[in-house]
Amino acid sequence: GNPLAAAIGRKVVELLENGELAARATTLGRSFVAALSHIDSPLIRDVRGRGLLVAVELTDAVAPRRVAERLLDRGVLTKHNRNVLRFAPPLTIADTELRLAANALADVLTEEAA
């Protein structure tokens, strides 16, 4: 019943149908996984992802909750489960913002390892 909401809904469906968002998620996800994989930290066990859904598995030497809280202090929102940090950024995120998130994680893990 709302013309603005209907217009937004139509545009989202259009973007989903033409594959732009899926292709963008794949491209940005690969870039983000590569940036996270290049973090030289003994606290990272594995980095994996599918599209922009990315997980960083941490070793038992660090508390994922503490890392998630410290990332939040830097403006990076993550979820944690056991020893895994999960990133699920919006499909509209800029590559520069993903690099900032990767740099923030590198900084936090460096501080945690010290």
N, C-alpha and C. Protein backbone atom coordinates (compact mmCIF):
# COMPACT_ATOMS: atom_id res chain seq x y z
N GLY A 1 0.79 -1.19 0.00
CA GLY A 1 0.00 0.00 0.00
C GLY A 1 0.84 1.27 0.00
N ASN A 2 2.15 1.17 0.14
CA ASN A 2 3.02 2.33 0.21
C ASN A 2 3.82 2.43 -1.09
N PRO A 3 3.65 3.50 -1.88
CA PRO A 3 4.32 3.62 -3.17
C PRO A 3 5.85 3.58 -3.07
N LEU A 4 6.42 4.19 -2.05
CA LEU A 4 7.87 4.17 -1.90
C LEU A 4 8.36 2.76 -1.62
N ALA A 5 7.72 2.05 -0.70
CA ALA A 5 8.11 0.68 -0.38
C ALA A 5 7.96 -0.22 -1.60
N ALA A 6 6.91 -0.03 -2.37
CA ALA A 6 6.69 -0.83 -3.57
C ALA A 6 7.78 -0.57 -4.60
N ALA A 7 8.17 0.68 -4.77
CA ALA A 7 9.24 1.02 -5.72
C ALA A 7 10.56 0.40 -5.29
N ILE A 8 10.86 0.45 -4.02
CA ILE A 8 12.09 -0.16 -3.50
C ILE A 8 12.06 -1.67 -3.71
N GLY A 9 10.92 -2.28 -3.40
CA GLY A 9 10.77 -3.72 -3.59
C GLY A 9 10.97 -4.12 -5.05
N ARG A 10 10.42 -3.35 -5.97
CA ARG A 10 10.58 -3.64 -7.40
C ARG A 10 12.04 -3.55 -7.80
N LYS A 11 12.75 -2.55 -7.30
CA LYS A 11 14.16 -2.37 -7.65
C LYS A 11 15.00 -3.52 -7.10
N VAL A 12 14.72 -3.97 -5.89
CA VAL A 12 15.45 -5.09 -5.30
C VAL A 12 15.23 -6.35 -6.12
N VAL A 13 14.00 -6.61 -6.50
CA VAL A 13 13.70 -7.79 -7.33
C VAL A 13 14.44 -7.69 -8.66
N GLU A 14 14.46 -6.51 -9.25
CA GLU A 14 15.18 -6.30 -10.51
C GLU A 14 16.67 -6.61 -10.34
N LEU A 15 17.27 -6.12 -9.28
CA LEU A 15 18.69 -6.38 -9.03
C LEU A 15 18.96 -7.86 -8.80
N LEU A 16 18.06 -8.54 -8.11
CA LEU A 16 18.22 -9.97 -7.88
C LEU A 16 18.08 -10.75 -9.18
N GLU A 17 17.15 -10.34 -10.01
CA GLU A 17 16.91 -11.06 -11.27
C GLU A 17 18.07 -10.91 -12.24
N ASN A 18 18.70 -9.73 -12.29
CA ASN A 18 19.77 -9.56 -13.27
C ASN A 18 21.13 -10.02 -12.75
N GLY A 19 21.20 -10.45 -11.50
CA GLY A 19 22.43 -11.04 -10.97
C GLY A 19 23.48 -10.07 -10.50
N GLU A 20 23.20 -8.77 -10.54
CA GLU A 20 24.21 -7.78 -10.16
C GLU A 20 24.66 -7.95 -8.71
N LEU A 21 23.72 -8.14 -7.80
CA LEU A 21 24.08 -8.27 -6.40
C LEU A 21 24.86 -9.55 -6.13
N ALA A 22 24.48 -10.64 -6.77
CA ALA A 22 25.20 -11.90 -6.58
C ALA A 22 26.63 -11.79 -7.10
N ALA A 23 26.79 -11.18 -8.26
CA ALA A 23 28.13 -11.01 -8.82
C ALA A 23 28.97 -10.08 -7.94
N ARG A 24 28.35 -9.04 -7.45
CA ARG A 24 29.05 -8.11 -6.55
C ARG A 24 29.47 -8.81 -5.27
N ALA A 25 28.58 -9.61 -4.70
CA ALA A 25 28.90 -10.34 -3.48
C ALA A 25 30.06 -11.30 -3.70
N THR A 26 30.09 -11.96 -4.83
CA THR A 26 31.18 -12.89 -5.15
C THR A 26 32.50 -12.15 -5.27
N THR A 27 32.51 -11.06 -6.01
CA THR A 27 33.74 -10.28 -6.20
C THR A 27 34.25 -9.69 -4.90
N LEU A 28 33.37 -9.02 -4.17
CA LEU A 28 33.79 -8.42 -2.90
C LEU A 28 34.17 -9.48 -1.87
N GLY A 29 33.45 -10.60 -1.86
CA GLY A 29 33.76 -11.68 -0.93
C GLY A 29 35.15 -12.24 -1.16
N ARG A 30 35.51 -12.45 -2.41
CA ARG A 30 36.86 -12.94 -2.72
C ARG A 30 37.92 -11.96 -2.25
N SER A 31 37.67 -10.69 -2.49
CA SER A 31 38.61 -9.65 -2.08
C SER A 31 38.74 -9.61 -0.56
N PHE A 32 37.62 -9.73 0.14
CA PHE A 32 37.62 -9.68 1.60
C PHE A 32 38.34 -10.90 2.19
N VAL A 33 38.04 -12.08 1.66
CA VAL A 33 38.70 -13.29 2.12
C VAL A 33 40.21 -13.19 1.88
N ALA A 34 40.61 -12.66 0.74
CA ALA A 34 42.04 -12.49 0.45
C ALA A 34 42.69 -11.54 1.45
N ALA A 35 42.02 -10.44 1.75
CA ALA A 35 42.57 -9.47 2.71
C ALA A 35 42.70 -10.09 4.09
N LEU A 36 41.70 -10.83 4.51
CA LEU A 36 41.74 -11.48 5.82
C LEU A 36 42.79 -12.59 5.86
N SER A 37 42.94 -13.29 4.75
CA SER A 37 43.93 -14.38 4.67
C SER A 37 45.36 -13.86 4.75
N HIS A 38 45.56 -12.62 4.39
CA HIS A 38 46.91 -12.03 4.43
C HIS A 38 47.27 -11.48 5.80
N ILE A 39 46.36 -11.55 6.75
CA ILE A 39 46.68 -11.11 8.11
C ILE A 39 47.65 -12.13 8.71
N ASP A 40 48.81 -11.66 9.08
CA ASP A 40 49.85 -12.53 9.63
C ASP A 40 49.68 -12.60 11.14
N SER A 41 48.87 -13.55 11.59
CA SER A 41 48.61 -13.69 13.02
C SER A 41 48.57 -15.17 13.40
N PRO A 42 49.26 -15.52 14.46
CA PRO A 42 49.19 -16.91 14.93
C PRO A 42 47.83 -17.24 15.54
N LEU A 43 46.98 -16.24 15.70
CA LEU A 43 45.66 -16.45 16.31
C LEU A 43 44.60 -16.87 15.29
N ILE A 44 44.93 -16.82 14.00
CA ILE A 44 43.99 -17.22 12.95
C ILE A 44 44.29 -18.65 12.52
N ARG A 45 43.27 -19.49 12.60
CA ARG A 45 43.40 -20.89 12.15
C ARG A 45 42.96 -21.04 10.70
N ASP A 46 41.89 -20.32 10.30
CA ASP A 46 41.36 -20.48 8.95
C ASP A 46 40.50 -19.28 8.59
N VAL A 47 40.43 -18.99 7.30
CA VAL A 47 39.53 -17.96 6.76
C VAL A 47 38.76 -18.62 5.61
N ARG A 48 37.45 -18.47 5.64
CA ARG A 48 36.64 -19.07 4.57
C ARG A 48 35.41 -18.20 4.32
N GLY A 49 34.83 -18.38 3.15
CA GLY A 49 33.65 -17.58 2.86
C GLY A 49 32.93 -18.04 1.62
N ARG A 50 31.73 -17.54 1.52
CA ARG A 50 30.91 -17.75 0.32
C ARG A 50 30.20 -16.43 0.08
N GLY A 51 30.55 -15.79 -1.02
CA GLY A 51 30.04 -14.45 -1.25
C GLY A 51 30.55 -13.54 -0.15
N LEU A 52 29.69 -12.74 0.41
CA LEU A 52 30.09 -11.83 1.49
C LEU A 52 29.86 -12.42 2.88
N LEU A 53 29.48 -13.67 2.96
CA LEU A 53 29.38 -14.34 4.25
C LEU A 53 30.75 -14.96 4.52
N VAL A 54 31.48 -14.38 5.45
CA VAL A 54 32.87 -14.74 5.68
C VAL A 54 33.09 -15.12 7.14
N ALA A 55 33.90 -16.15 7.36
CA ALA A 55 34.21 -16.60 8.71
C ALA A 55 35.72 -16.63 8.92
N VAL A 56 36.13 -16.20 10.11
CA VAL A 56 37.52 -16.28 10.52
C VAL A 56 37.55 -17.19 11.74
N GLU A 57 38.18 -18.34 11.59
CA GLU A 57 38.31 -19.27 12.70
C GLU A 57 39.56 -18.91 13.49
N LEU A 58 39.39 -18.73 14.78
CA LEU A 58 40.49 -18.34 15.65
C LEU A 58 41.00 -19.55 16.43
N THR A 59 42.21 -19.46 16.90
CA THR A 59 42.76 -20.52 17.74
C THR A 59 42.16 -20.41 19.14
N ASP A 60 42.44 -21.40 19.95
CA ASP A 60 41.94 -21.40 21.33
C ASP A 60 42.66 -20.39 22.21
N ALA A 61 43.71 -19.75 21.68
CA ALA A 61 44.51 -18.81 22.46
C ALA A 61 43.85 -17.43 22.60
N VAL A 62 42.71 -17.24 21.95
CA VAL A 62 42.04 -15.95 21.99
C VAL A 62 40.54 -16.15 22.16
N ALA A 63 39.89 -15.23 22.86
CA ALA A 63 38.44 -15.30 23.07
C ALA A 63 37.71 -14.54 21.96
N PRO A 64 36.96 -15.24 21.11
CA PRO A 64 36.25 -14.58 20.01
C PRO A 64 35.32 -13.46 20.48
N ARG A 65 34.70 -13.64 21.63
CA ARG A 65 33.81 -12.60 22.14
C ARG A 65 34.57 -11.31 22.39
N ARG A 66 35.75 -11.43 22.98
CA ARG A 66 36.56 -10.24 23.25
C ARG A 66 36.99 -9.58 21.93
N VAL A 67 37.38 -10.38 20.95
CA VAL A 67 37.77 -9.83 19.65
C VAL A 67 36.58 -9.12 19.01
N ALA A 68 35.40 -9.73 19.07
CA ALA A 68 34.19 -9.12 18.49
C ALA A 68 33.86 -7.80 19.18
N GLU A 69 34.01 -7.76 20.51
CA GLU A 69 33.75 -6.52 21.24
C GLU A 69 34.74 -5.43 20.87
N ARG A 70 35.99 -5.80 20.71
CA ARG A 70 37.02 -4.82 20.35
C ARG A 70 36.83 -4.33 18.92
N LEU A 71 36.35 -5.21 18.04
CA LEU A 71 36.04 -4.79 16.67
C LEU A 71 34.86 -3.83 16.67
N LEU A 72 33.86 -4.11 17.50
CA LEU A 72 32.70 -3.23 17.59
C LEU A 72 33.13 -1.84 18.05
N ASP A 73 34.09 -1.76 18.97
CA ASP A 73 34.62 -0.47 19.41
C ASP A 73 35.24 0.30 18.25
N ARG A 74 35.67 -0.43 17.22
CA ARG A 74 36.27 0.18 16.03
C ARG A 74 35.26 0.34 14.90
N GLY A 75 33.99 0.04 15.17
CA GLY A 75 32.95 0.22 14.17
C GLY A 75 32.73 -0.96 13.25
N VAL A 76 33.27 -2.13 13.62
CA VAL A 76 33.11 -3.33 12.79
C VAL A 76 32.19 -4.31 13.52
N LEU A 77 31.07 -4.63 12.92
CA LEU A 77 30.09 -5.52 13.52
C LEU A 77 30.35 -6.95 13.07
N THR A 78 30.53 -7.84 14.03
CA THR A 78 30.69 -9.27 13.74
C THR A 78 29.83 -10.05 14.71
N LYS A 79 29.66 -11.31 14.40
CA LYS A 79 29.04 -12.24 15.32
C LYS A 79 30.11 -13.27 15.67
N HIS A 80 29.97 -13.89 16.80
CA HIS A 80 30.93 -14.93 17.16
C HIS A 80 30.19 -16.15 17.65
N ASN A 81 30.80 -17.29 17.42
CA ASN A 81 30.25 -18.56 17.85
C ASN A 81 31.42 -19.47 18.12
N ARG A 82 31.56 -19.90 19.33
CA ARG A 82 32.71 -20.70 19.75
C ARG A 82 33.99 -20.00 19.37
N ASN A 83 34.73 -20.53 18.41
CA ASN A 83 35.99 -19.89 18.05
C ASN A 83 35.95 -19.26 16.65
N VAL A 84 34.77 -18.88 16.19
CA VAL A 84 34.62 -18.33 14.85
C VAL A 84 34.00 -16.93 14.90
N LEU A 85 34.62 -16.01 14.17
CA LEU A 85 34.05 -14.68 13.95
C LEU A 85 33.34 -14.73 12.60
N ARG A 86 32.12 -14.24 12.55
CA ARG A 86 31.36 -14.24 11.30
C ARG A 86 31.11 -12.81 10.85
N PHE A 87 31.42 -12.56 9.60
CA PHE A 87 31.16 -11.26 8.98
C PHE A 87 30.03 -11.45 7.97
N ALA A 88 29.04 -10.57 8.02
CA ALA A 88 27.92 -10.62 7.06
C ALA A 88 27.56 -9.19 6.67
N PRO A 89 28.46 -8.52 5.94
CA PRO A 89 28.21 -7.13 5.58
C PRO A 89 27.11 -7.02 4.53
N PRO A 90 26.52 -5.84 4.41
CA PRO A 90 25.49 -5.65 3.39
C PRO A 90 26.10 -5.74 1.99
N LEU A 91 25.29 -6.13 1.04
CA LEU A 91 25.77 -6.27 -0.34
C LEU A 91 26.17 -4.93 -0.95
N THR A 92 25.79 -3.86 -0.31
CA THR A 92 26.11 -2.53 -0.84
C THR A 92 27.39 -1.95 -0.23
N ILE A 93 28.10 -2.72 0.57
CA ILE A 93 29.31 -2.22 1.23
C ILE A 93 30.39 -1.91 0.18
N ALA A 94 31.21 -0.92 0.49
CA ALA A 94 32.30 -0.55 -0.41
C ALA A 94 33.54 -1.39 -0.10
N ASP A 95 34.35 -1.63 -1.10
CA ASP A 95 35.58 -2.38 -0.94
C ASP A 95 36.49 -1.71 0.11
N THR A 96 36.49 -0.39 0.13
CA THR A 96 37.33 0.32 1.11
C THR A 96 36.87 0.02 2.54
N GLU A 97 35.57 -0.15 2.73
CA GLU A 97 35.06 -0.47 4.07
C GLU A 97 35.47 -1.88 4.48
N LEU A 98 35.50 -2.79 3.53
CA LEU A 98 35.96 -4.15 3.83
C LEU A 98 37.44 -4.15 4.19
N ARG A 99 38.23 -3.34 3.50
CA ARG A 99 39.65 -3.25 3.84
C ARG A 99 39.84 -2.66 5.23
N LEU A 100 39.01 -1.68 5.59
CA LEU A 100 39.07 -1.12 6.95
C LEU A 100 38.75 -2.19 7.99
N ALA A 101 37.77 -3.04 7.70
CA ALA A 101 37.42 -4.12 8.62
C ALA A 101 38.57 -5.11 8.76
N ALA A 102 39.20 -5.46 7.65
CA ALA A 102 40.34 -6.38 7.70
C ALA A 102 41.49 -5.76 8.49
N ASN A 103 41.75 -4.48 8.28
CA ASN A 103 42.81 -3.80 9.03
C ASN A 103 42.49 -3.74 10.52
N ALA A 104 41.22 -3.51 10.84
CA ALA A 104 40.81 -3.47 12.25
C ALA A 104 41.03 -4.83 12.90
N LEU A 105 40.69 -5.91 12.19
CA LEU A 105 40.91 -7.25 12.74
C LEU A 105 42.41 -7.50 12.94
N ALA A 106 43.22 -7.10 11.98
CA ALA A 106 44.66 -7.28 12.11
C ALA A 106 45.19 -6.54 13.34
N ASP A 107 44.72 -5.33 13.55
CA ASP A 107 45.15 -4.54 14.71
C ASP A 107 44.73 -5.19 16.02
N VAL A 108 43.48 -5.64 16.09
CA VAL A 108 42.97 -6.26 17.32
C VAL A 108 43.75 -7.54 17.62
N LEU A 109 43.98 -8.35 16.60
CA LEU A 109 44.71 -9.61 16.84
C LEU A 109 46.16 -9.36 17.22
N THR A 110 46.76 -8.32 16.68
CA THR A 110 48.13 -7.96 17.08
C THR A 110 48.14 -7.58 18.56
N GLU A 111 47.16 -6.79 18.98
CA GLU A 111 47.08 -6.38 20.39
C GLU A 111 46.79 -7.58 21.28
N GLU A 112 45.95 -8.50 20.83
CA GLU A 112 45.61 -9.67 21.62
C GLU A 112 46.81 -10.61 21.76
N ALA A 113 47.64 -10.69 20.73
CA ALA A 113 48.80 -11.58 20.76
C ALA A 113 49.91 -11.04 21.64
N ALA A 114 49.88 -9.74 21.89
CA ALA A 114 50.97 -9.11 22.68
C ALA A 114 50.90 -9.45 24.14
